[in-house]
Amino acid sequence: MTDHPATDTQQTPLHALHLELGGKMVPFAGYDMPVQYPAGIMEEHLHTRAQASVFDVSHMGQALLHGDDAAAALETLVPGEIQGLAPGRTRYTIFTNDGGGILDDLMVTNMGDHLFLVVNAACKDADFAHLDARIGGRTKLDILDDRALFALQGPKAADVLSRLNSDAATMPFMSSLEMELDGAPTLVTRSGYT
């Protein structure tokens, strides 16, 4: 483990903060990511199980899928129902190959006029290439490689988030809501993916 990034890894928008907080950095899925902080893995784990912890998952792939036919087009690549997904709702599904085998899993959120996708870090380049090759003629994919992505996990997660915006307290599972958190425009989804 190193305290500084390897020269061939990318950095998340929070990289400097991880170093400032004493994060032990390791390469993961092409990124320099914190594997633990000074308190240690066990204390972090127990805190998350009893309270709530924030994880930097900005290395995961985020994209917007646009087009009048985006939901129908995406349904040709996943077994999950996307056309019937109501605005503000999120669905967990998988990319399949031509034989029905699993390529990767992903989260799809209906944002009304477009879809918001989150895919795994290690597969994001292949996933986005797959999308472009299969449905690029019917849709427009905007890859969001400059945005942070957080996972707030633990039994007190809703309580913690509600301190920043009370709307978070009433979100049902697998829903999304655009809200301000400490003055920053944010998309919050209540799901479990990481």
N, C-alpha and C. Protein backbone atom coordinates (compact mmCIF):
# COMPACT_ATOMS: atom_id res chain seq x y z
N MET A 1 0.84 -1.18 0.00
CA MET A 1 0.00 0.00 0.00
C MET A 1 0.89 1.24 0.00
N THR A 2 0.39 2.26 -0.68
CA THR A 2 1.14 3.50 -0.73
C THR A 2 0.25 4.65 -0.28
N ASP A 3 0.89 5.74 0.11
CA ASP A 3 0.13 6.93 0.48
C ASP A 3 -0.04 7.87 -0.71
N HIS A 4 0.57 7.54 -1.83
CA HIS A 4 0.51 8.39 -3.02
C HIS A 4 0.17 7.54 -4.23
N PRO A 5 -0.48 8.12 -5.23
CA PRO A 5 -0.95 7.34 -6.36
C PRO A 5 0.18 6.84 -7.25
N ALA A 6 -0.07 5.69 -7.85
CA ALA A 6 0.83 5.21 -8.89
C ALA A 6 0.63 6.10 -10.11
N THR A 7 1.62 6.18 -10.95
CA THR A 7 1.56 7.10 -12.08
C THR A 7 0.55 6.68 -13.14
N ASP A 8 0.15 5.41 -13.18
CA ASP A 8 -0.76 4.95 -14.22
C ASP A 8 -2.21 4.83 -13.75
N THR A 9 -2.54 5.34 -12.59
CA THR A 9 -3.91 5.28 -12.11
C THR A 9 -4.58 6.64 -12.16
N GLN A 10 -5.90 6.61 -12.31
CA GLN A 10 -6.68 7.84 -12.31
C GLN A 10 -7.05 8.20 -10.87
N GLN A 11 -7.56 9.41 -10.71
CA GLN A 11 -7.94 9.88 -9.38
C GLN A 11 -9.39 10.34 -9.39
N THR A 12 -10.09 10.08 -8.30
CA THR A 12 -11.45 10.58 -8.17
C THR A 12 -11.39 12.05 -7.75
N PRO A 13 -12.50 12.77 -7.86
CA PRO A 13 -12.50 14.18 -7.42
C PRO A 13 -12.15 14.37 -5.95
N LEU A 14 -12.22 13.31 -5.15
CA LEU A 14 -11.94 13.40 -3.71
C LEU A 14 -10.54 12.92 -3.34
N HIS A 15 -9.69 12.69 -4.31
CA HIS A 15 -8.38 12.10 -4.05
C HIS A 15 -7.57 12.88 -3.02
N ALA A 16 -7.50 14.18 -3.18
CA ALA A 16 -6.71 15.00 -2.23
C ALA A 16 -7.28 14.89 -0.81
N LEU A 17 -8.59 14.82 -0.68
CA LEU A 17 -9.21 14.68 0.64
C LEU A 17 -8.86 13.33 1.27
N HIS A 18 -8.85 12.27 0.46
CA HIS A 18 -8.47 10.95 0.98
C HIS A 18 -7.06 11.00 1.57
N LEU A 19 -6.14 11.64 0.85
CA LEU A 19 -4.77 11.75 1.34
C LEU A 19 -4.71 12.59 2.61
N GLU A 20 -5.44 13.69 2.61
CA GLU A 20 -5.47 14.59 3.78
C GLU A 20 -5.98 13.86 5.03
N LEU A 21 -6.93 12.94 4.84
CA LEU A 21 -7.51 12.20 5.95
C LEU A 21 -6.72 10.95 6.32
N GLY A 22 -5.59 10.75 5.65
CA GLY A 22 -4.73 9.61 5.96
C GLY A 22 -5.11 8.31 5.30
N GLY A 23 -5.87 8.38 4.22
CA GLY A 23 -6.26 7.17 3.51
C GLY A 23 -5.06 6.43 2.94
N LYS A 24 -5.07 5.11 3.10
CA LYS A 24 -4.05 4.25 2.49
C LYS A 24 -4.55 3.93 1.09
N MET A 25 -3.81 4.41 0.09
CA MET A 25 -4.27 4.33 -1.29
C MET A 25 -3.71 3.09 -1.98
N VAL A 26 -4.58 2.44 -2.75
CA VAL A 26 -4.19 1.27 -3.54
C VAL A 26 -4.85 1.38 -4.91
N PRO A 27 -4.25 0.76 -5.94
CA PRO A 27 -4.90 0.77 -7.25
C PRO A 27 -6.11 -0.17 -7.25
N PHE A 28 -7.22 0.32 -7.79
CA PHE A 28 -8.43 -0.49 -7.93
C PHE A 28 -9.18 -0.04 -9.17
N ALA A 29 -9.40 -0.94 -10.10
CA ALA A 29 -10.15 -0.66 -11.33
C ALA A 29 -9.60 0.57 -12.06
N GLY A 30 -8.27 0.73 -12.03
CA GLY A 30 -7.64 1.83 -12.74
C GLY A 30 -7.58 3.13 -11.97
N TYR A 31 -8.03 3.14 -10.73
CA TYR A 31 -8.05 4.35 -9.91
C TYR A 31 -7.22 4.15 -8.65
N ASP A 32 -6.71 5.24 -8.13
CA ASP A 32 -6.03 5.25 -6.85
C ASP A 32 -7.11 5.47 -5.79
N MET A 33 -7.42 4.41 -5.03
CA MET A 33 -8.56 4.44 -4.11
C MET A 33 -8.13 4.14 -2.68
N PRO A 34 -8.83 4.71 -1.70
CA PRO A 34 -8.49 4.42 -0.30
C PRO A 34 -9.01 3.04 0.11
N VAL A 35 -8.16 2.25 0.70
CA VAL A 35 -8.58 0.94 1.20
C VAL A 35 -8.89 0.99 2.69
N GLN A 36 -8.28 1.97 3.38
CA GLN A 36 -8.59 2.17 4.79
C GLN A 36 -8.06 3.51 5.25
N TYR A 37 -8.53 3.90 6.43
CA TYR A 37 -8.09 5.13 7.09
C TYR A 37 -7.44 4.77 8.42
N PRO A 38 -6.85 5.75 9.11
CA PRO A 38 -6.09 5.45 10.33
C PRO A 38 -6.85 4.65 11.40
N ALA A 39 -8.16 4.81 11.50
CA ALA A 39 -8.93 4.06 12.51
C ALA A 39 -8.88 2.55 12.27
N GLY A 40 -8.67 2.15 11.01
CA GLY A 40 -8.58 0.73 10.68
C GLY A 40 -9.87 0.17 10.10
N ILE A 41 -9.71 -0.90 9.34
CA ILE A 41 -10.82 -1.50 8.62
C ILE A 41 -11.91 -2.01 9.56
N MET A 42 -11.52 -2.67 10.65
CA MET A 42 -12.53 -3.23 11.56
C MET A 42 -13.40 -2.13 12.18
N GLU A 43 -12.78 -1.05 12.64
CA GLU A 43 -13.56 0.03 13.24
C GLU A 43 -14.47 0.67 12.19
N GLU A 44 -13.96 0.84 10.97
CA GLU A 44 -14.79 1.40 9.89
C GLU A 44 -15.97 0.49 9.59
N HIS A 45 -15.71 -0.81 9.53
CA HIS A 45 -16.76 -1.79 9.26
C HIS A 45 -17.85 -1.75 10.34
N LEU A 46 -17.42 -1.80 11.59
CA LEU A 46 -18.37 -1.79 12.70
C LEU A 46 -19.17 -0.49 12.77
N HIS A 47 -18.52 0.63 12.46
CA HIS A 47 -19.23 1.91 12.43
C HIS A 47 -20.31 1.89 11.36
N THR A 48 -19.98 1.37 10.19
CA THR A 48 -20.95 1.32 9.10
C THR A 48 -22.13 0.43 9.47
N ARG A 49 -21.87 -0.69 10.12
CA ARG A 49 -22.95 -1.61 10.52
C ARG A 49 -23.85 -1.02 11.59
N ALA A 50 -23.31 -0.14 12.44
CA ALA A 50 -24.10 0.42 13.54
C ALA A 50 -24.63 1.82 13.25
N GLN A 51 -23.95 2.58 12.42
CA GLN A 51 -24.29 3.98 12.17
C GLN A 51 -24.48 4.21 10.67
N ALA A 52 -23.60 4.99 10.07
CA ALA A 52 -23.60 5.25 8.63
C ALA A 52 -22.21 5.74 8.24
N SER A 53 -21.78 5.34 7.06
CA SER A 53 -20.47 5.74 6.55
C SER A 53 -20.60 6.16 5.10
N VAL A 54 -19.74 7.09 4.70
CA VAL A 54 -19.71 7.57 3.32
C VAL A 54 -18.56 6.90 2.59
N PHE A 55 -18.84 6.41 1.39
CA PHE A 55 -17.84 5.78 0.55
C PHE A 55 -17.72 6.56 -0.75
N ASP A 56 -16.50 6.79 -1.20
CA ASP A 56 -16.25 7.42 -2.49
C ASP A 56 -16.29 6.32 -3.54
N VAL A 57 -17.33 6.33 -4.37
CA VAL A 57 -17.44 5.36 -5.45
C VAL A 57 -17.42 6.08 -6.80
N SER A 58 -16.69 7.19 -6.83
CA SER A 58 -16.60 8.01 -8.04
C SER A 58 -15.91 7.31 -9.19
N HIS A 59 -15.23 6.21 -8.91
CA HIS A 59 -14.57 5.45 -9.97
C HIS A 59 -15.57 4.65 -10.80
N MET A 60 -16.78 4.48 -10.30
CA MET A 60 -17.80 3.76 -11.05
C MET A 60 -18.21 4.58 -12.27
N GLY A 61 -18.76 3.92 -13.26
CA GLY A 61 -19.17 4.60 -14.48
C GLY A 61 -20.53 5.24 -14.34
N GLN A 62 -20.62 6.51 -14.70
CA GLN A 62 -21.89 7.24 -14.69
C GLN A 62 -22.13 7.79 -16.09
N ALA A 63 -23.35 7.70 -16.56
CA ALA A 63 -23.67 8.22 -17.89
C ALA A 63 -25.14 8.59 -17.97
N LEU A 64 -25.44 9.47 -18.91
CA LEU A 64 -26.81 9.83 -19.24
C LEU A 64 -27.11 9.25 -20.61
N LEU A 65 -28.25 8.60 -20.75
CA LEU A 65 -28.67 8.03 -22.03
C LEU A 65 -29.87 8.83 -22.51
N HIS A 66 -29.70 9.51 -23.64
CA HIS A 66 -30.72 10.39 -24.20
C HIS A 66 -31.32 9.77 -25.46
N GLY A 67 -32.50 10.22 -25.79
CA GLY A 67 -33.16 9.82 -27.02
C GLY A 67 -34.61 9.48 -26.76
N ASP A 68 -35.47 9.79 -27.74
CA ASP A 68 -36.90 9.50 -27.59
C ASP A 68 -37.15 8.02 -27.36
N ASP A 69 -36.24 7.20 -27.86
CA ASP A 69 -36.37 5.74 -27.82
C ASP A 69 -35.39 5.11 -26.84
N ALA A 70 -34.82 5.90 -25.92
CA ALA A 70 -33.74 5.41 -25.06
C ALA A 70 -34.15 4.21 -24.21
N ALA A 71 -35.32 4.25 -23.60
CA ALA A 71 -35.75 3.14 -22.74
C ALA A 71 -35.96 1.87 -23.56
N ALA A 72 -36.63 1.99 -24.70
CA ALA A 72 -36.85 0.82 -25.56
C ALA A 72 -35.52 0.28 -26.09
N ALA A 73 -34.63 1.18 -26.46
CA ALA A 73 -33.32 0.75 -26.95
C ALA A 73 -32.55 0.01 -25.87
N LEU A 74 -32.54 0.55 -24.66
CA LEU A 74 -31.82 -0.10 -23.57
C LEU A 74 -32.42 -1.47 -23.24
N GLU A 75 -33.73 -1.61 -23.38
CA GLU A 75 -34.37 -2.90 -23.12
C GLU A 75 -33.90 -3.99 -24.06
N THR A 76 -33.31 -3.64 -25.19
CA THR A 76 -32.76 -4.67 -26.08
C THR A 76 -31.47 -5.25 -25.54
N LEU A 77 -30.89 -4.63 -24.51
CA LEU A 77 -29.62 -5.07 -23.95
C LEU A 77 -29.73 -5.61 -22.53
N VAL A 78 -30.88 -5.40 -21.88
CA VAL A 78 -31.06 -5.81 -20.48
C VAL A 78 -32.40 -6.55 -20.35
N PRO A 79 -32.52 -7.49 -19.40
CA PRO A 79 -33.80 -8.15 -19.19
C PRO A 79 -34.78 -7.35 -18.34
N GLY A 80 -34.31 -6.32 -17.66
CA GLY A 80 -35.17 -5.51 -16.81
C GLY A 80 -36.09 -4.63 -17.62
N GLU A 81 -37.31 -4.40 -17.09
CA GLU A 81 -38.26 -3.52 -17.77
C GLU A 81 -37.84 -2.07 -17.53
N ILE A 82 -37.50 -1.39 -18.61
CA ILE A 82 -37.07 0.00 -18.52
C ILE A 82 -38.17 0.94 -19.02
N GLN A 83 -38.91 0.53 -20.05
CA GLN A 83 -39.96 1.40 -20.59
C GLN A 83 -41.05 1.68 -19.55
N GLY A 84 -41.31 0.75 -18.66
CA GLY A 84 -42.33 0.93 -17.64
C GLY A 84 -41.81 1.55 -16.35
N LEU A 85 -40.54 1.89 -16.33
CA LEU A 85 -39.93 2.49 -15.13
C LEU A 85 -40.41 3.94 -15.00
N ALA A 86 -41.09 4.23 -13.93
CA ALA A 86 -41.66 5.57 -13.74
C ALA A 86 -40.56 6.60 -13.49
N PRO A 87 -40.79 7.85 -13.87
CA PRO A 87 -39.81 8.90 -13.55
C PRO A 87 -39.55 8.94 -12.05
N GLY A 88 -38.29 9.11 -11.70
CA GLY A 88 -37.91 9.15 -10.30
C GLY A 88 -37.69 7.78 -9.67
N ARG A 89 -37.74 6.74 -10.48
CA ARG A 89 -37.55 5.38 -9.97
C ARG A 89 -36.26 4.79 -10.56
N THR A 90 -35.69 3.87 -9.81
CA THR A 90 -34.42 3.24 -10.17
C THR A 90 -34.63 1.74 -10.28
N ARG A 91 -33.94 1.11 -11.23
CA ARG A 91 -34.04 -0.34 -11.40
C ARG A 91 -32.65 -0.94 -11.51
N TYR A 92 -32.45 -2.05 -10.83
CA TYR A 92 -31.24 -2.85 -10.93
C TYR A 92 -31.45 -3.88 -12.03
N THR A 93 -30.49 -4.00 -12.94
CA THR A 93 -30.62 -4.97 -14.02
C THR A 93 -29.22 -5.38 -14.48
N ILE A 94 -29.16 -6.15 -15.55
CA ILE A 94 -27.87 -6.64 -16.06
C ILE A 94 -27.79 -6.44 -17.57
N PHE A 95 -26.55 -6.23 -18.05
CA PHE A 95 -26.29 -6.29 -19.48
C PHE A 95 -26.09 -7.76 -19.83
N THR A 96 -26.70 -8.19 -20.95
CA THR A 96 -26.49 -9.56 -21.40
C THR A 96 -25.83 -9.57 -22.78
N ASN A 97 -25.15 -10.67 -23.06
CA ASN A 97 -24.58 -10.84 -24.39
C ASN A 97 -25.62 -11.49 -25.30
N ASP A 98 -25.25 -11.77 -26.55
CA ASP A 98 -26.20 -12.32 -27.51
C ASP A 98 -26.74 -13.68 -27.09
N GLY A 99 -25.97 -14.43 -26.28
CA GLY A 99 -26.41 -15.73 -25.81
C GLY A 99 -27.17 -15.68 -24.49
N GLY A 100 -27.39 -14.48 -23.97
CA GLY A 100 -28.10 -14.33 -22.71
C GLY A 100 -27.21 -14.38 -21.49
N GLY A 101 -25.90 -14.51 -21.70
CA GLY A 101 -24.97 -14.51 -20.58
C GLY A 101 -24.80 -13.12 -20.01
N ILE A 102 -24.40 -13.06 -18.76
CA ILE A 102 -24.26 -11.77 -18.06
C ILE A 102 -22.92 -11.13 -18.38
N LEU A 103 -22.97 -9.88 -18.83
CA LEU A 103 -21.76 -9.08 -19.06
C LEU A 103 -21.42 -8.25 -17.83
N ASP A 104 -22.42 -7.62 -17.23
CA ASP A 104 -22.22 -6.76 -16.07
C ASP A 104 -23.59 -6.40 -15.50
N ASP A 105 -23.59 -5.86 -14.30
CA ASP A 105 -24.84 -5.35 -13.74
C ASP A 105 -24.79 -3.83 -13.71
N LEU A 106 -25.95 -3.21 -13.58
CA LEU A 106 -26.02 -1.75 -13.61
C LEU A 106 -27.29 -1.28 -12.92
N MET A 107 -27.31 0.01 -12.61
CA MET A 107 -28.49 0.68 -12.08
C MET A 107 -28.97 1.66 -13.15
N VAL A 108 -30.28 1.71 -13.35
CA VAL A 108 -30.90 2.61 -14.33
C VAL A 108 -31.93 3.46 -13.59
N THR A 109 -31.82 4.77 -13.72
CA THR A 109 -32.77 5.69 -13.10
C THR A 109 -33.46 6.49 -14.20
N ASN A 110 -34.79 6.52 -14.17
CA ASN A 110 -35.56 7.30 -15.12
C ASN A 110 -35.61 8.75 -14.61
N MET A 111 -34.98 9.64 -15.36
CA MET A 111 -34.93 11.05 -15.00
C MET A 111 -35.98 11.88 -15.74
N GLY A 112 -36.94 11.20 -16.37
CA GLY A 112 -37.99 11.90 -17.10
C GLY A 112 -37.67 12.04 -18.57
N ASP A 113 -36.69 12.87 -18.90
CA ASP A 113 -36.33 13.07 -20.31
C ASP A 113 -35.06 12.32 -20.70
N HIS A 114 -34.47 11.58 -19.78
CA HIS A 114 -33.30 10.75 -20.07
C HIS A 114 -33.13 9.71 -18.97
N LEU A 115 -32.22 8.78 -19.19
CA LEU A 115 -31.91 7.76 -18.19
C LEU A 115 -30.53 8.03 -17.61
N PHE A 116 -30.39 7.82 -16.31
CA PHE A 116 -29.10 7.92 -15.63
C PHE A 116 -28.64 6.50 -15.34
N LEU A 117 -27.42 6.17 -15.78
CA LEU A 117 -26.88 4.83 -15.63
C LEU A 117 -25.66 4.84 -14.72
N VAL A 118 -25.54 3.82 -13.89
CA VAL A 118 -24.33 3.61 -13.09
C VAL A 118 -23.89 2.17 -13.32
N VAL A 119 -22.63 2.01 -13.76
CA VAL A 119 -22.07 0.69 -14.03
C VAL A 119 -20.80 0.49 -13.19
N ASN A 120 -20.36 -0.74 -13.12
CA ASN A 120 -19.17 -1.08 -12.35
C ASN A 120 -17.91 -0.45 -12.91
N ALA A 121 -17.01 -0.10 -12.01
CA ALA A 121 -15.77 0.57 -12.39
C ALA A 121 -14.92 -0.27 -13.33
N ALA A 122 -14.74 -1.53 -13.02
CA ALA A 122 -13.83 -2.38 -13.79
C ALA A 122 -14.35 -2.65 -15.20
N CYS A 123 -15.66 -2.50 -15.41
CA CYS A 123 -16.26 -2.82 -16.71
C CYS A 123 -16.79 -1.60 -17.45
N LYS A 124 -16.60 -0.41 -16.89
CA LYS A 124 -17.30 0.75 -17.46
C LYS A 124 -16.91 1.03 -18.91
N ASP A 125 -15.64 0.91 -19.26
CA ASP A 125 -15.25 1.18 -20.64
C ASP A 125 -15.91 0.18 -21.59
N ALA A 126 -15.91 -1.09 -21.21
CA ALA A 126 -16.55 -2.12 -22.04
C ALA A 126 -18.06 -1.92 -22.08
N ASP A 127 -18.66 -1.57 -20.95
CA ASP A 127 -20.11 -1.34 -20.91
C ASP A 127 -20.52 -0.19 -21.82
N PHE A 128 -19.79 0.91 -21.74
CA PHE A 128 -20.13 2.07 -22.56
C PHE A 128 -19.88 1.79 -24.04
N ALA A 129 -18.84 1.03 -24.36
CA ALA A 129 -18.59 0.63 -25.75
C ALA A 129 -19.72 -0.28 -26.24
N HIS A 130 -20.17 -1.18 -25.39
CA HIS A 130 -21.28 -2.08 -25.72
C HIS A 130 -22.55 -1.28 -26.02
N LEU A 131 -22.85 -0.31 -25.17
CA LEU A 131 -24.01 0.55 -25.40
C LEU A 131 -23.90 1.28 -26.73
N ASP A 132 -22.74 1.86 -26.98
CA ASP A 132 -22.55 2.62 -28.21
C ASP A 132 -22.66 1.73 -29.44
N ALA A 133 -22.05 0.55 -29.38
CA ALA A 133 -22.06 -0.36 -30.53
C ALA A 133 -23.47 -0.88 -30.83
N ARG A 134 -24.24 -1.14 -29.79
CA ARG A 134 -25.55 -1.77 -29.97
C ARG A 134 -26.69 -0.78 -30.18
N ILE A 135 -26.66 0.35 -29.49
CA ILE A 135 -27.81 1.27 -29.58
C ILE A 135 -27.38 2.71 -29.83
N GLY A 136 -26.13 2.91 -30.19
CA GLY A 136 -25.62 4.26 -30.42
C GLY A 136 -26.34 5.01 -31.53
N GLY A 137 -26.88 4.30 -32.51
CA GLY A 137 -27.61 4.95 -33.59
C GLY A 137 -28.98 5.45 -33.16
N ARG A 138 -29.49 4.92 -32.06
CA ARG A 138 -30.83 5.29 -31.57
C ARG A 138 -30.78 6.20 -30.35
N THR A 139 -29.60 6.30 -29.74
CA THR A 139 -29.48 7.05 -28.49
C THR A 139 -28.21 7.88 -28.49
N LYS A 140 -28.12 8.77 -27.51
CA LYS A 140 -26.90 9.55 -27.30
C LYS A 140 -26.44 9.29 -25.88
N LEU A 141 -25.19 8.84 -25.73
CA LEU A 141 -24.62 8.52 -24.43
C LEU A 141 -23.67 9.62 -24.01
N ASP A 142 -23.95 10.26 -22.88
CA ASP A 142 -23.05 11.26 -22.30
C ASP A 142 -22.39 10.65 -21.07
N ILE A 143 -21.09 10.38 -21.18
CA ILE A 143 -20.35 9.80 -20.07
C ILE A 143 -19.95 10.91 -19.11
N LEU A 144 -20.23 10.71 -17.84
CA LEU A 144 -19.97 11.72 -16.80
C LEU A 144 -18.72 11.29 -16.04
N ASP A 145 -17.56 11.64 -16.55
CA ASP A 145 -16.33 11.19 -15.92
C ASP A 145 -15.71 12.23 -15.00
N ASP A 146 -16.43 13.32 -14.75
CA ASP A 146 -15.89 14.37 -13.89
C ASP A 146 -16.75 14.62 -12.66
N ARG A 147 -17.64 13.70 -12.34
CA ARG A 147 -18.55 13.87 -11.21
C ARG A 147 -18.22 12.90 -10.08
N ALA A 148 -18.41 13.37 -8.89
CA ALA A 148 -18.25 12.50 -7.73
C ALA A 148 -19.51 11.65 -7.56
N LEU A 149 -19.32 10.49 -6.97
CA LEU A 149 -20.42 9.58 -6.65
C LEU A 149 -20.15 9.02 -5.26
N PHE A 150 -21.13 9.16 -4.39
CA PHE A 150 -20.99 8.71 -3.01
C PHE A 150 -21.98 7.59 -2.72
N ALA A 151 -21.59 6.70 -1.84
CA ALA A 151 -22.50 5.71 -1.28
C ALA A 151 -22.55 5.96 0.22
N LEU A 152 -23.73 6.27 0.73
CA LEU A 152 -23.94 6.45 2.16
C LEU A 152 -24.62 5.18 2.64
N GLN A 153 -23.92 4.40 3.46
CA GLN A 153 -24.41 3.08 3.84
C GLN A 153 -24.48 2.93 5.35
N GLY A 154 -25.43 2.14 5.79
CA GLY A 154 -25.60 1.85 7.20
C GLY A 154 -27.01 2.14 7.65
N PRO A 155 -27.41 1.61 8.82
CA PRO A 155 -28.79 1.77 9.29
C PRO A 155 -29.19 3.21 9.59
N LYS A 156 -28.26 4.09 9.78
CA LYS A 156 -28.58 5.49 10.07
C LYS A 156 -28.42 6.39 8.84
N ALA A 157 -28.26 5.79 7.66
CA ALA A 157 -28.00 6.57 6.44
C ALA A 157 -29.10 7.60 6.17
N ALA A 158 -30.36 7.19 6.26
CA ALA A 158 -31.46 8.13 5.99
C ALA A 158 -31.48 9.26 7.01
N ASP A 159 -31.19 8.95 8.26
CA ASP A 159 -31.14 9.99 9.30
C ASP A 159 -30.05 11.01 9.01
N VAL A 160 -28.89 10.51 8.62
CA VAL A 160 -27.75 11.39 8.32
C VAL A 160 -28.08 12.30 7.15
N LEU A 161 -28.60 11.72 6.07
CA LEU A 161 -28.92 12.50 4.88
C LEU A 161 -30.05 13.49 5.15
N SER A 162 -31.00 13.11 5.98
CA SER A 162 -32.13 13.99 6.30
C SER A 162 -31.70 15.25 7.03
N ARG A 163 -30.55 15.21 7.68
CA ARG A 163 -30.04 16.42 8.34
C ARG A 163 -29.66 17.49 7.32
N LEU A 164 -29.33 17.04 6.11
CA LEU A 164 -28.97 17.97 5.04
C LEU A 164 -30.17 18.37 4.20
N ASN A 165 -31.15 17.47 4.07
CA ASN A 165 -32.37 17.77 3.32
C ASN A 165 -33.46 16.83 3.82
N SER A 166 -34.50 17.39 4.40
CA SER A 166 -35.56 16.58 5.01
C SER A 166 -36.31 15.71 3.99
N ASP A 167 -36.25 16.05 2.70
CA ASP A 167 -36.92 15.25 1.67
C ASP A 167 -36.35 13.83 1.61
N ALA A 168 -35.12 13.65 2.03
CA ALA A 168 -34.49 12.33 1.96
C ALA A 168 -35.16 11.33 2.90
N ALA A 169 -35.80 11.81 3.94
CA ALA A 169 -36.39 10.92 4.95
C ALA A 169 -37.55 10.10 4.41
N THR A 170 -38.23 10.60 3.40
CA THR A 170 -39.44 9.93 2.91
C THR A 170 -39.22 9.18 1.60
N MET A 171 -38.00 9.07 1.14
CA MET A 171 -37.74 8.40 -0.13
C MET A 171 -37.96 6.89 0.00
N PRO A 172 -38.81 6.31 -0.86
CA PRO A 172 -38.97 4.85 -0.83
C PRO A 172 -37.76 4.17 -1.49
N PHE A 173 -37.60 2.89 -1.22
CA PHE A 173 -36.51 2.12 -1.80
C PHE A 173 -36.62 2.15 -3.33
N MET A 174 -35.48 2.26 -3.98
CA MET A 174 -35.34 2.31 -5.43
C MET A 174 -36.00 3.54 -6.04
N SER A 175 -35.90 4.65 -5.33
CA SER A 175 -36.38 5.92 -5.85
C SER A 175 -35.21 6.88 -5.97
N SER A 176 -35.45 7.97 -6.68
CA SER A 176 -34.43 9.01 -6.83
C SER A 176 -35.11 10.36 -6.68
N LEU A 177 -34.29 11.34 -6.30
CA LEU A 177 -34.82 12.68 -6.10
C LEU A 177 -33.68 13.67 -6.29
N GLU A 178 -33.93 14.69 -7.11
CA GLU A 178 -32.95 15.76 -7.24
C GLU A 178 -33.20 16.73 -6.09
N MET A 179 -32.14 17.04 -5.35
CA MET A 179 -32.27 17.93 -4.19
C MET A 179 -30.96 18.66 -3.96
N GLU A 180 -31.04 19.70 -3.14
CA GLU A 180 -29.82 20.40 -2.74
C GLU A 180 -29.34 19.82 -1.42
N LEU A 181 -28.05 19.56 -1.36
CA LEU A 181 -27.40 19.12 -0.13
C LEU A 181 -26.31 20.12 0.17
N ASP A 182 -26.48 20.86 1.23
CA ASP A 182 -25.51 21.89 1.63
C ASP A 182 -25.23 22.86 0.49
N GLY A 183 -26.28 23.20 -0.27
CA GLY A 183 -26.18 24.16 -1.35
C GLY A 183 -25.76 23.59 -2.69
N ALA A 184 -25.44 22.30 -2.75
CA ALA A 184 -25.01 21.69 -4.01
C ALA A 184 -26.16 20.91 -4.65
N PRO A 185 -26.41 21.13 -5.95
CA PRO A 185 -27.43 20.32 -6.62
C PRO A 185 -26.96 18.86 -6.68
N THR A 186 -27.84 17.96 -6.28
CA THR A 186 -27.46 16.56 -6.12
C THR A 186 -28.59 15.65 -6.57
N LEU A 187 -28.24 14.52 -7.17
CA LEU A 187 -29.20 13.46 -7.43
C LEU A 187 -28.97 12.40 -6.36
N VAL A 188 -30.01 12.12 -5.60
CA VAL A 188 -29.94 11.11 -4.54
C VAL A 188 -30.81 9.93 -4.96
N THR A 189 -30.26 8.74 -4.91
CA THR A 189 -31.04 7.53 -5.14
C THR A 189 -31.00 6.69 -3.87
N ARG A 190 -32.13 6.12 -3.52
CA ARG A 190 -32.16 5.22 -2.36
C ARG A 190 -32.13 3.80 -2.91
N SER A 191 -30.95 3.26 -2.94
CA SER A 191 -30.75 1.93 -3.50
C SER A 191 -29.56 1.30 -2.80
N GLY A 192 -29.28 0.08 -3.15
CA GLY A 192 -28.08 -0.57 -2.65
C GLY A 192 -27.36 -1.19 -3.83
N TYR A 193 -26.19 -0.73 -4.12
CA TYR A 193 -25.49 -1.24 -5.31
C TYR A 193 -24.03 -1.53 -5.04
N THR A 194 -23.40 -0.79 -4.17
CA THR A 194 -21.97 -0.98 -3.97
C THR A 194 -21.69 -2.15 -3.07
